[in-house]
Protein backbone atom coordinates (compact mmCIF):
# COMPACT_ATOMS: atom_id res chain seq x y z
CA MET A 1 28.46 39.14 -18.36
CA SER A 2 31.25 37.33 -20.20
CA VAL A 3 30.79 34.00 -21.96
CA SER A 4 32.99 32.21 -19.40
CA THR A 5 30.93 33.61 -16.52
CA ARG A 6 27.74 32.47 -18.19
CA LEU A 7 29.15 28.98 -18.67
CA LYS A 8 30.16 28.79 -15.02
CA SER A 9 26.71 29.87 -13.87
CA PHE A 10 24.95 27.40 -16.16
CA LYS A 11 23.66 24.27 -14.44
CA VAL A 12 22.25 21.25 -16.20
CA PRO A 13 18.97 20.41 -14.42
CA PHE A 14 19.03 17.23 -12.37
CA TRP A 15 16.17 15.71 -14.36
CA ALA A 16 18.09 16.36 -17.59
CA GLN A 17 21.16 14.63 -16.16
CA ILE A 18 19.05 11.59 -15.22
CA LEU A 19 17.37 11.56 -18.63
CA ALA A 20 20.75 11.70 -20.35
CA GLY A 21 21.90 8.79 -18.18
CA LEU A 22 18.82 6.80 -19.16
CA VAL A 23 19.36 7.38 -22.87
CA LEU A 24 23.08 6.59 -22.68
CA GLY A 25 22.42 3.50 -20.55
CA VAL A 26 19.88 2.14 -23.05
CA LEU A 27 22.29 2.79 -25.93
CA LEU A 28 25.28 1.15 -24.23
CA GLY A 29 23.15 -1.76 -23.02
CA TRP A 30 21.86 -2.35 -26.55
CA ILE A 31 25.40 -2.25 -27.95
CA ALA A 32 26.68 -4.61 -25.25
CA ARG A 33 23.91 -7.12 -25.90
CA ASN A 34 23.77 -7.05 -29.68
CA GLN A 35 27.50 -6.75 -30.31
CA ASP A 36 28.38 -9.22 -27.53
CA VAL A 37 30.79 -6.79 -25.87
CA SER A 38 31.52 -8.64 -22.63
CA TRP A 39 33.77 -5.96 -21.12
CA LEU A 40 31.03 -3.36 -21.58
CA VAL A 41 28.50 -5.60 -19.82
CA THR A 42 30.92 -6.02 -16.92
CA THR A 43 31.60 -2.29 -16.77
CA LEU A 44 27.89 -1.41 -16.73
CA GLU A 45 27.27 -4.00 -14.03
CA LYS A 46 30.10 -2.67 -11.85
CA VAL A 47 28.97 0.94 -12.23
CA GLY A 48 25.37 0.09 -11.33
CA ASP A 49 26.29 -2.20 -8.43
CA THR A 50 28.72 0.36 -7.02
CA PHE A 51 26.04 3.05 -7.05
CA ILE A 52 23.50 0.80 -5.29
CA GLY A 53 26.20 -0.32 -2.86
CA LEU A 54 26.93 3.29 -1.92
CA LEU A 55 23.23 3.91 -1.33
CA LYS A 56 22.91 0.80 0.83
CA LEU A 57 26.03 1.66 2.80
CA ALA A 58 24.20 4.35 4.75
CA VAL A 59 20.79 2.64 4.92
CA ALA A 60 21.01 1.04 8.38
CA PRO A 61 22.31 4.05 10.35
CA LEU A 62 20.24 6.46 8.23
CA VAL A 63 17.00 4.62 9.02
CA PHE A 64 17.81 4.36 12.72
CA PHE A 65 18.70 8.01 13.26
CA ALA A 66 16.03 9.33 10.87
CA ILE A 67 13.25 7.47 12.69
CA LEU A 68 14.65 8.35 16.14
CA VAL A 69 14.99 12.05 15.30
CA SER A 70 11.64 12.16 13.48
CA ILE A 71 9.81 10.82 16.52
CA THR A 72 11.53 13.24 18.89
CA ASN A 73 10.79 16.11 16.49
CA LEU A 74 7.13 15.55 17.23
CA ARG A 75 7.73 17.32 20.55
CA LYS A 76 7.94 20.52 18.47
CA VAL A 77 4.50 19.91 16.98
CA ASN A 78 1.28 20.62 18.83
CA ASN A 79 -1.38 17.94 18.31
CA ALA A 80 1.40 15.56 17.23
CA ALA A 81 -0.75 12.49 17.91
CA ARG A 82 -3.41 13.87 15.59
CA LEU A 83 -0.88 14.47 12.80
CA ALA A 84 0.63 11.00 13.24
CA SER A 85 -2.79 9.30 13.17
CA ARG A 86 -3.88 11.30 10.11
CA THR A 87 -0.65 10.34 8.35
CA LEU A 88 -1.19 6.65 9.06
CA LEU A 89 -4.84 6.92 7.98
CA TRP A 90 -3.89 8.41 4.61
CA PHE A 91 -1.19 5.79 4.16
CA MET A 92 -3.91 3.15 4.53
CA ILE A 93 -6.45 4.96 2.33
CA THR A 94 -4.03 5.40 -0.58
CA SER A 95 -2.79 1.80 -0.21
CA LEU A 96 -6.37 0.53 -0.38
CA ILE A 97 -7.01 2.56 -3.54
CA ALA A 98 -3.79 1.27 -5.10
CA VAL A 99 -4.46 -2.39 -4.33
CA SER A 100 -8.00 -2.04 -5.70
CA ILE A 101 -6.57 -0.70 -8.96
CA GLY A 102 -4.07 -3.58 -9.06
CA LEU A 103 -6.80 -6.18 -8.55
CA THR A 104 -9.03 -4.60 -11.19
CA ILE A 105 -6.25 -4.53 -13.79
CA GLY A 106 -5.25 -8.12 -13.00
CA LEU A 107 -8.81 -9.41 -13.32
CA LEU A 108 -9.37 -7.55 -16.59
CA THR A 109 -6.15 -8.58 -18.33
CA ASN A 110 -5.40 -12.13 -17.05
CA PRO A 111 -1.61 -11.55 -16.91
CA GLY A 112 -0.79 -15.25 -16.46
CA ALA A 113 -2.64 -16.39 -19.59
CA GLY A 114 -0.74 -17.15 -22.80
CA THR A 115 2.73 -16.63 -21.35
CA GLY A 116 3.98 -20.12 -22.16
CA LEU A 117 5.22 -20.39 -18.56
CA THR A 118 4.44 -23.47 -16.48
CA PRO A 119 4.79 -24.33 -12.76
CA ALA A 120 8.03 -26.14 -13.65
CA ASP A 121 9.57 -22.79 -14.61
CA GLY A 122 9.28 -21.55 -11.04
CA ALA A 123 11.43 -22.22 -8.02
CA ALA A 124 10.75 -21.62 -4.36
CA PRO A 125 12.78 -18.73 -2.89
CA GLU A 126 15.35 -19.39 -0.19
CA ASN A 127 13.66 -16.92 2.16
CA THR A 128 9.91 -16.57 2.43
CA GLY A 129 7.62 -14.39 4.49
CA SER A 130 4.60 -15.29 6.60
CA TRP A 131 2.55 -13.44 9.18
CA ILE A 132 4.34 -15.31 11.97
CA ASP A 133 7.71 -14.34 10.50
CA PHE A 134 6.53 -10.78 10.02
CA LEU A 135 5.17 -10.33 13.56
CA THR A 136 7.94 -12.18 15.40
CA GLY A 137 10.62 -10.73 13.16
CA ILE A 138 9.85 -7.17 14.23
CA VAL A 139 11.58 -7.62 17.59
CA PRO A 140 15.36 -8.22 17.26
CA THR A 141 17.21 -10.71 19.43
CA ASP A 142 20.21 -8.37 19.72
CA VAL A 143 21.14 -4.84 18.70
CA ILE A 144 23.92 -5.75 16.25
CA THR A 145 22.40 -8.29 13.85
CA PRO A 146 19.72 -5.98 12.37
CA PHE A 147 22.49 -3.63 11.23
CA THR A 148 24.82 -6.32 9.87
CA GLU A 149 22.00 -8.16 8.07
CA LEU A 150 20.21 -4.94 7.08
CA ASN A 151 16.89 -5.93 8.65
CA VAL A 152 15.22 -2.54 8.24
CA LEU A 153 12.01 -3.53 10.02
CA GLN A 154 13.93 -4.39 13.19
CA ILE A 155 16.00 -1.21 12.88
CA VAL A 156 12.76 0.80 12.67
CA PHE A 157 11.48 -0.98 15.80
CA MET A 158 14.62 -0.17 17.80
CA ALA A 159 14.64 3.44 16.59
CA ALA A 160 10.96 3.87 17.50
CA VAL A 161 11.58 2.49 21.00
CA ALA A 162 14.60 4.76 21.45
CA GLY A 163 12.67 7.79 20.19
CA ILE A 164 9.70 7.20 22.47
CA ALA A 165 12.03 6.63 25.42
CA ALA A 166 13.82 9.91 24.62
CA LEU A 167 10.49 11.74 24.61
CA GLN A 168 9.67 10.29 28.01
CA LEU A 169 13.06 11.26 29.45
CA GLY A 170 12.78 14.86 28.32
CA GLU A 171 15.81 17.04 29.06
CA LYS A 172 17.87 14.09 30.30
CA ALA A 173 17.91 12.71 26.76
CA GLN A 174 18.96 16.01 25.14
CA PRO A 175 22.68 15.07 24.76
CA ILE A 176 21.69 11.90 22.91
CA LEU A 177 19.24 13.82 20.71
CA THR A 178 21.86 16.43 19.87
CA LEU A 179 24.32 13.69 18.89
CA SER A 180 21.63 11.88 16.87
CA GLU A 181 20.75 15.04 14.95
CA SER A 182 24.44 15.64 14.18
CA VAL A 183 24.96 12.06 13.00
CA LEU A 184 21.82 12.26 10.85
CA THR A 185 23.03 15.50 9.27
CA LEU A 186 26.40 13.87 8.55
CA LEU A 187 24.76 10.80 6.97
CA GLN A 188 22.42 12.90 4.85
CA LYS A 189 25.31 15.03 3.60
CA ALA A 190 27.32 11.94 2.67
CA LEU A 191 24.30 10.37 0.98
CA TRP A 192 23.69 13.61 -0.89
CA TRP A 193 27.06 13.17 -2.58
CA VAL A 194 25.93 9.71 -3.67
CA ILE A 195 22.66 11.14 -4.98
CA ARG A 196 24.62 13.54 -7.17
CA LEU A 197 26.19 10.45 -8.79
CA ALA A 198 22.75 9.22 -9.84
CA PRO A 199 23.17 10.13 -13.54
CA ILE A 200 26.30 7.92 -13.68
CA GLY A 201 24.55 5.19 -11.70
CA THR A 202 21.65 5.41 -14.14
CA VAL A 203 23.93 4.56 -17.06
CA GLY A 204 25.12 1.40 -15.29
CA LEU A 205 21.75 0.25 -13.94
CA ILE A 206 19.73 0.77 -17.11
CA GLY A 207 22.57 -0.45 -19.32
CA LYS A 208 22.93 -3.62 -17.26
CA ALA A 209 19.17 -4.28 -17.42
CA ILE A 210 19.11 -3.93 -21.22
CA ALA A 211 22.31 -5.94 -21.71
CA THR A 212 21.17 -8.73 -19.39
CA TYR A 213 17.50 -9.06 -20.26
CA GLY A 214 17.03 -7.34 -23.60
CA TRP A 215 13.46 -7.41 -24.83
CA ASP A 216 13.13 -11.21 -25.02
CA LEU A 217 12.36 -11.63 -21.34
CA ILE A 218 9.89 -8.75 -21.34
CA GLY A 219 8.09 -10.47 -24.22
CA LYS A 220 7.23 -13.48 -22.05
CA TYR A 221 5.92 -11.21 -19.32
CA ALA A 222 4.48 -8.56 -21.64
CA THR A 223 0.99 -8.43 -20.11
CA PHE A 224 2.27 -8.65 -16.54
CA THR A 225 4.88 -5.92 -17.13
CA ALA A 226 2.33 -3.68 -18.83
CA ASP A 227 -0.12 -4.25 -15.96
CA ILE A 228 2.41 -3.11 -13.36
CA TYR A 229 3.40 -0.02 -15.33
CA VAL A 230 -0.19 0.91 -16.18
CA GLY A 231 -1.33 0.35 -12.59
CA CYS A 232 1.47 2.51 -11.21
CA ALA A 233 0.84 5.16 -13.86
CA ILE A 234 -2.86 5.32 -12.91
CA VAL A 235 -1.96 5.79 -9.25
CA LEU A 236 0.77 8.32 -10.06
CA PHE A 237 -0.99 10.43 -12.64
CA VAL A 238 -4.71 9.91 -11.92
CA VAL A 239 -5.25 9.00 -8.27
CA TYR A 240 -2.61 11.27 -6.73
CA PRO A 241 -3.62 14.34 -8.79
CA ALA A 242 -7.28 13.70 -7.95
CA LEU A 243 -6.47 13.58 -4.23
CA LEU A 244 -4.39 16.75 -4.48
CA ALA A 245 -7.16 18.59 -6.29
CA THR A 246 -10.03 17.42 -4.07
CA VAL A 247 -8.47 16.87 -0.64
CA ALA A 248 -5.62 19.40 -0.59
CA LYS A 249 -7.21 21.88 -3.01
CA ALA A 250 -3.77 22.13 -4.59
CA ASN A 251 -2.50 22.19 -8.17
CA PRO A 252 -1.26 18.66 -9.08
CA VAL A 253 1.17 20.05 -11.68
CA GLN A 254 2.96 21.99 -8.95
CA PHE A 255 3.29 18.82 -6.88
CA PHE A 256 5.02 16.98 -9.70
CA ARG A 257 7.22 19.98 -10.47
CA GLY A 258 8.44 19.99 -6.90
CA ALA A 259 8.60 16.23 -6.27
CA TRP A 260 9.94 15.12 -9.65
CA PRO A 261 13.65 14.97 -8.68
CA ALA A 262 12.86 12.46 -5.91
CA ILE A 263 10.52 10.45 -8.14
CA GLN A 264 13.09 10.09 -10.92
CA LEU A 265 15.89 9.20 -8.48
CA ALA A 266 13.62 6.52 -7.02
CA PHE A 267 13.01 5.16 -10.52
CA VAL A 268 16.74 4.75 -11.06
CA SER A 269 17.93 3.70 -7.60
CA ARG A 270 14.97 1.42 -6.74
CA SER A 271 15.37 2.39 -3.08
CA SER A 272 12.89 4.45 -1.06
CA VAL A 273 15.33 4.70 1.83
CA GLY A 274 18.19 5.75 -0.44
CA THR A 275 15.98 8.47 -1.88
CA MET A 276 14.70 9.58 1.55
CA PRO A 277 16.91 12.69 2.03
CA LEU A 278 15.83 14.01 -1.38
CA THR A 279 12.18 13.08 -0.71
CA GLN A 280 12.26 15.04 2.54
CA LYS A 281 13.85 18.04 0.82
CA VAL A 282 11.25 18.21 -1.95
CA THR A 283 8.42 17.65 0.56
CA GLU A 284 9.61 20.64 2.60
CA ARG A 285 9.96 22.64 -0.61
CA LEU A 286 6.30 21.86 -1.33
CA GLY A 287 5.35 23.77 1.80
CA VAL A 288 5.15 20.99 4.38
CA PRO A 289 6.52 22.18 7.78
CA LYS A 290 10.00 20.82 8.39
CA GLU A 291 9.11 19.45 11.84
CA TYR A 292 6.26 17.40 10.39
CA ALA A 293 8.10 16.40 7.19
CA SER A 294 11.02 15.08 9.24
CA PHE A 295 8.56 12.64 10.82
CA ALA A 296 6.27 11.77 7.92
CA VAL A 297 8.90 11.14 5.22
CA PRO A 298 11.13 8.68 7.16
CA PHE A 299 7.98 6.99 8.44
CA GLY A 300 6.70 6.69 4.87
CA ALA A 301 10.04 5.55 3.45
CA THR A 302 9.83 2.41 5.60
CA THR A 303 6.06 1.74 5.57
CA LYS A 304 4.38 3.53 2.63
CA MET A 305 4.67 1.37 -0.50
CA ASP A 306 1.78 1.78 -2.97
CA GLY A 307 3.86 0.30 -5.80
CA CYS A 308 5.69 -2.57 -4.07
CA ALA A 309 3.09 -3.48 -1.45
CA ALA A 310 -0.23 -2.79 -3.17
CA ILE A 311 -0.25 -2.80 -6.97
CA TYR A 312 2.51 -5.37 -7.45
CA PRO A 313 1.42 -8.15 -5.04
CA ALA A 314 -2.20 -7.83 -6.21
CA ILE A 315 -1.35 -8.39 -9.88
CA ALA A 316 1.41 -10.90 -9.04
CA ALA A 317 -0.97 -13.05 -6.97
CA ILE A 318 -3.41 -13.22 -9.87
CA PHE A 319 -0.52 -14.01 -12.25
CA VAL A 320 0.77 -16.87 -10.05
CA ALA A 321 -2.72 -18.28 -9.50
CA GLN A 322 -3.30 -18.43 -13.26
CA ILE A 323 0.05 -20.09 -13.96
CA PHE A 324 -0.71 -22.77 -11.35
CA ASP A 325 -4.37 -22.99 -12.45
CA ILE A 326 -5.74 -22.02 -9.03
CA GLN A 327 -9.06 -20.22 -8.78
CA LEU A 328 -9.23 -17.18 -6.50
CA GLY A 329 -12.48 -16.07 -4.92
CA ILE A 330 -13.85 -12.90 -3.36
CA GLY A 331 -12.39 -13.86 0.01
CA ASP A 332 -8.93 -14.19 -1.55
CA TYR A 333 -9.14 -10.74 -3.12
CA LEU A 334 -10.17 -9.27 0.24
CA LEU A 335 -7.14 -11.00 1.81
CA ILE A 336 -4.87 -9.44 -0.80
CA ALA A 337 -6.27 -6.01 0.08
CA PHE A 338 -5.81 -6.71 3.80
CA VAL A 339 -2.18 -7.81 3.37
CA SER A 340 -1.41 -4.77 1.22
CA VAL A 341 -2.85 -2.27 3.68
CA ILE A 342 -1.50 -3.85 6.86
CA GLY A 343 1.72 -5.56 5.79
CA SER A 344 3.43 -2.94 3.64
CA ALA A 345 6.09 -2.35 6.31
CA ALA A 346 7.50 -5.74 5.30
CA THR A 347 8.96 -4.16 2.15
CA ALA A 348 11.09 -1.87 4.36
CA GLY A 349 12.09 0.60 1.67
CA LEU A 350 14.73 -1.57 0.00
CA THR A 351 15.05 -2.69 -3.60
CA GLY A 352 12.70 -5.45 -4.62
CA ALA A 353 9.39 -6.62 -3.14
CA THR A 354 10.06 -10.33 -2.64
CA VAL A 355 9.19 -10.32 1.07
CA MET A 356 5.83 -8.67 0.42
CA LEU A 357 5.11 -11.07 -2.43
CA THR A 358 5.91 -14.16 -0.34
CA LEU A 359 3.80 -12.76 2.50
CA THR A 360 0.87 -12.37 0.10
CA LEU A 361 1.29 -15.80 -1.50
CA SER A 362 1.62 -17.54 1.88
CA THR A 363 -1.54 -15.82 3.15
CA LEU A 364 -3.47 -17.02 0.09
CA GLY A 365 -1.92 -20.49 0.18
CA LEU A 366 -0.42 -20.07 -3.30
CA PRO A 367 2.77 -21.96 -4.28
CA MET A 368 5.98 -20.18 -3.35
CA GLU A 369 7.45 -21.40 -6.63
CA GLY A 370 5.52 -18.52 -8.16
CA VAL A 371 8.11 -16.14 -6.74
CA GLY A 372 10.76 -17.76 -8.90
CA LEU A 373 8.72 -16.97 -11.99
CA LEU A 374 8.91 -13.26 -11.24
CA LEU A 375 12.46 -12.78 -9.96
CA ALA A 376 14.03 -12.42 -13.40
CA ILE A 377 11.72 -9.57 -14.41
CA ASP A 378 11.75 -7.90 -10.97
CA PRO A 379 14.45 -5.23 -11.57
CA ILE A 380 12.53 -3.85 -14.55
CA LEU A 381 9.29 -3.71 -12.54
CA ASP A 382 10.94 -2.33 -9.42
CA MET A 383 11.82 0.97 -11.09
CA ILE A 384 8.22 2.12 -11.59
CA ARG A 385 7.12 0.55 -8.29
CA THR A 386 9.69 2.55 -6.31
CA ALA A 387 8.88 5.76 -8.17
CA THR A 388 5.24 5.27 -7.16
CA ASN A 389 6.25 4.54 -3.57
CA VAL A 390 8.26 7.75 -3.27
CA ALA A 391 5.59 9.89 -4.91
CA GLY A 392 3.13 8.59 -2.31
CA GLN A 393 5.61 9.28 0.49
CA ALA A 394 5.72 12.94 -0.58
CA LEU A 395 2.00 13.14 -1.34
CA VAL A 396 0.60 12.14 2.06
CA PRO A 397 2.43 14.86 4.07
CA VAL A 398 1.08 17.41 1.57
CA LEU A 399 -2.48 16.08 1.98
CA VAL A 400 -2.28 16.02 5.77
CA SER A 401 -0.65 19.46 5.98
CA ALA A 402 -3.34 20.92 3.71
CA ARG A 403 -6.16 19.32 5.69
CA GLU A 404 -4.70 20.54 8.99
CA GLY A 405 -4.06 24.08 7.78
CA LEU A 406 -0.26 23.73 7.95
CA LEU A 407 0.65 23.79 4.26
CA ASP A 408 2.58 26.86 3.09
CA ARG A 409 0.59 27.61 -0.06
CA THR A 410 3.07 30.21 -1.26
CA ALA A 411 5.94 27.73 -1.07
CA TYR A 412 3.80 25.05 -2.74
CA ASP A 413 2.89 27.30 -5.66
CA ALA A 414 6.54 28.30 -6.09
CA ALA A 415 7.90 24.73 -5.99
CA HIS A 416 10.17 23.77 -8.88
CA GLY A 417 12.02 20.67 -9.95
CA SER A 418 15.56 21.95 -10.35
CA PRO A 419 18.22 22.62 -9.46
CA ILE A 420 18.60 20.35 -6.44
CA ASP A 421 21.29 21.84 -4.24
CA GLU A 422 23.09 20.09 -1.46
CA PRO A 423 21.63 21.26 1.86
CA GLU A 424 24.04 23.25 3.97
CA PRO A 425 24.17 22.05 7.57
CA GLN A 426 23.04 24.80 9.86
CA ARG A 427 21.31 25.09 13.20
CA ALA A 428 18.23 27.22 12.98
CA PRO A 429 16.72 28.90 16.02
CA GLU A 430 14.26 26.79 17.97
CA PRO A 431 11.01 26.98 15.97
CA GLU A 432 7.66 27.89 17.32
CA PRO A 433 5.46 24.80 17.79
CA VAL A 434 3.51 23.81 14.69
CA THR A 435 -0.15 23.55 15.54
CA ALA A 436 -2.62 21.33 13.70
CA VAL A 437 -6.09 22.79 13.31
CA ALA A 438 -8.56 20.91 15.49
């Protein structure tokens, strides 16, 4: 083989491209901040914002068609109700574990103590969440506004209704299902091109964060920032491996080898929904049946948020309570756990966790001005939170598949992290129904 042929066949692994983007972003951000290079700050900001904008561009239709198709795909799975209920159960179990870890870390470290911050430093957010808003906001008043305002929760509701209706109609709905599958394939292909731009987006996003915030801001929130990262790391690298080893009887290292491309893209993009096509691909590569993965991953991308909806609001509530000198009791901690397990759909797979935080604070009766204290540091925290979210969204289908006897152990053991190739659209023959073990 000639040298030129070898060079053409050589591919830089996706993780290496992301890592290079991280290093270059940190370097350029440091230069922009310390050398006061305004044009470089602007360039980094534009690159990062453009990447996130491209991800968000497909969010509304992607969520709608992914949820609709995922629900109708359940017709190909025997014991579908059992699989769906087991998926939801494990979502709740892992969320409860995550929020318990968040509460424990917050109580041990007192993240609001010694920060120098006061209630005067906070400001109430323009939009807040409450249980009334959450429950009444699920049902849209029209079919257009949820897409124009990117209300993912309402989009999920409409897609679920459409999917269930299609199941009830049977063959009469087949033309709509065929069109929906084609549109979903088109959206995923287009989004895949955006995903391939992630290394460039990484340079802009990380560079902007360093240039804008530097290390001064992190210093004020040092304990709080460390708590979030440590809490997420415990869930990622202790809880998830333990569940894989004990529940799925699977090698945790293989899980991370297979899922790592999605986890690192989530870290950079801060969007579970934007990462969803890659999450589904790595989940299938880990041996989860495609028919089940196409339901569980979109479902998880909009409702399964161990980082944003469990660890973060638990520690943040303790932080805000300490800043405002409010004592929390056992009942308050139980409420935090309840909100985290039940209300995680409020985060809706988008960047940031402000809605979930305001929902938690309003439930506890804590001042909404506490949200303002945390907004400045949020982008830095959101990276590890979203990575944890996506890891959990890939983990639960593996656990359920293993428990139900559906996991392809050979595929799982052969899973690898790179390269990530763009999926070629193709129509496979109608699969045999996937059967869950009773």
